[in-house]
Amino acid sequence: MPDATTTPSDRASPRHFPLALVVTAGLAGMLFAVTIVLWVHYGSAVFYEMLLTGIAACF
């Protein structure tokens, strides 16, 4: 029986994520962080009114 040898291709390679996925996740994380900061700064009632005003301005 031959000796078991490992080749570089046998080793588990680190998982590589597509660049688009990394960028999208980063943008979503930043949007979430900005949302939390605005919520803390303005309070829930004012922040809610700002969201409604922004959505109304789009239509």
C-alpha atoms as a PDB file:
ATOM      1  CA  MET A   1       0.000   0.000   0.000  1.00  0.00           C
ATOM      2  CA  PRO A   2       1.528   3.366  -0.995  1.00  0.00           C
ATOM      3  CA  ASP A   3       2.171   6.076   1.525  1.00  0.00           C
ATOM      4  CA  ALA A   4      -0.618   8.611   1.788  1.00  0.00           C
ATOM      5  CA  THR A   5       0.648  11.975   0.655  1.00  0.00           C
ATOM      6  CA  THR A   6      -1.227  15.199   0.593  1.00  0.00           C
ATOM      7  CA  THR A   7      -1.108  17.714  -2.170  1.00  0.00           C
ATOM      8  CA  PRO A   8      -1.983  21.386  -1.913  1.00  0.00           C
ATOM      9  CA  SER A   9      -5.299  20.693  -3.628  1.00  0.00           C
ATOM     10  CA  ASP A  10      -6.226  18.184  -0.893  1.00  0.00           C
ATOM     11  CA  ARG A  11      -6.109  20.792   1.828  1.00  0.00           C
ATOM     12  CA  ALA A  12      -9.262  22.666   2.710  1.00  0.00           C
ATOM     13  CA  SER A  13      -9.058  26.064   1.100  1.00  0.00           C
ATOM     14  CA  PRO A  14     -10.494  29.109   2.838  1.00  0.00           C
ATOM     15  CA  ARG A  15     -13.935  30.096   1.634  1.00  0.00           C
ATOM     16  CA  HIS A  16     -13.856  33.095  -0.668  1.00  0.00           C
ATOM     17  CA  PHE A  17     -16.957  35.243  -0.841  1.00  0.00           C
ATOM     18  CA  PRO A  18     -17.825  37.101  -4.036  1.00  0.00           C
ATOM     19  CA  LEU A  19     -16.976  40.793  -3.952  1.00  0.00           C
ATOM     20  CA  ALA A  20     -20.600  41.777  -4.630  1.00  0.00           C
ATOM     21  CA  LEU A  21     -21.742  39.849  -1.551  1.00  0.00           C
ATOM     22  CA  VAL A  22     -19.128  41.492   0.656  1.00  0.00           C
ATOM     23  CA  VAL A  23     -20.005  44.983  -0.624  1.00  0.00           C
ATOM     24  CA  THR A  24     -23.746  44.370  -0.198  1.00  0.00           C
ATOM     25  CA  ALA A  25     -23.276  43.072   3.333  1.00  0.00           C
ATOM     26  CA  GLY A  26     -21.080  46.061   4.173  1.00  0.00           C
ATOM     27  CA  LEU A  27     -23.634  48.537   2.844  1.00  0.00           C
ATOM     28  CA  ALA A  28     -26.460  46.811   4.707  1.00  0.00           C
ATOM     29  CA  GLY A  29     -24.413  46.918   7.908  1.00  0.00           C
ATOM     30  CA  MET A  30     -23.661  50.614   7.472  1.00  0.00           C
ATOM     31  CA  LEU A  31     -27.329  51.374   6.764  1.00  0.00           C
ATOM     32  CA  PHE A  32     -28.306  49.499   9.926  1.00  0.00           C
ATOM     33  CA  ALA A  33     -25.686  51.378  11.960  1.00  0.00           C
ATOM     34  CA  VAL A  34     -26.871  54.750  10.644  1.00  0.00           C
ATOM     35  CA  THR A  35     -30.461  53.788  11.457  1.00  0.00           C
ATOM     36  CA  ILE A  36     -29.543  52.962  15.055  1.00  0.00           C
ATOM     37  CA  VAL A  37     -27.547  56.186  15.460  1.00  0.00           C
ATOM     38  CA  LEU A  38     -30.439  58.302  14.137  1.00  0.00           C
ATOM     39  CA  TRP A  39     -32.899  56.443  16.336  1.00  0.00           C
ATOM     40  CA  VAL A  40     -30.812  57.086  19.438  1.00  0.00           C
ATOM     41  CA  HIS A  41     -30.143  60.717  18.518  1.00  0.00           C
ATOM     42  CA  TYR A  42     -33.658  61.795  17.527  1.00  0.00           C
ATOM     43  CA  GLY A  43     -35.801  59.376  19.492  1.00  0.00           C
ATOM     44  CA  SER A  44     -38.362  56.967  18.119  1.00  0.00           C
ATOM     45  CA  ALA A  45     -41.216  59.431  17.461  1.00  0.00           C
ATOM     46  CA  VAL A  46     -39.097  61.958  15.559  1.00  0.00           C
ATOM     47  CA  PHE A  47     -37.264  59.240  13.679  1.00  0.00           C
ATOM     48  CA  TYR A  48     -40.573  57.654  12.642  1.00  0.00           C
ATOM     49  CA  GLU A  49     -41.831  61.022  11.367  1.00  0.00           C
ATOM     50  CA  MET A  50     -38.594  61.510   9.419  1.00  0.00           C
ATOM     51  CA  LEU A  51     -39.070  58.128   7.743  1.00  0.00           C
ATOM     52  CA  LEU A  52     -42.661  58.902   6.818  1.00  0.00           C
ATOM     53  CA  THR A  53     -41.674  62.295   5.409  1.00  0.00           C
ATOM     54  CA  GLY A  54     -38.875  60.749   3.384  1.00  0.00           C
ATOM     55  CA  ILE A  55     -41.125  58.048   1.951  1.00  0.00           C
ATOM     56  CA  ALA A  56     -43.833  60.635   1.149  1.00  0.00           C
ATOM     57  CA  ALA A  57     -41.236  62.763  -0.692  1.00  0.00           C
ATOM     58  CA  CYS A  58     -40.516  59.818  -3.002  1.00  0.00           C
ATOM     59  CA  PHE A  59     -44.087  59.654  -4.264  1.00  0.00           C
END
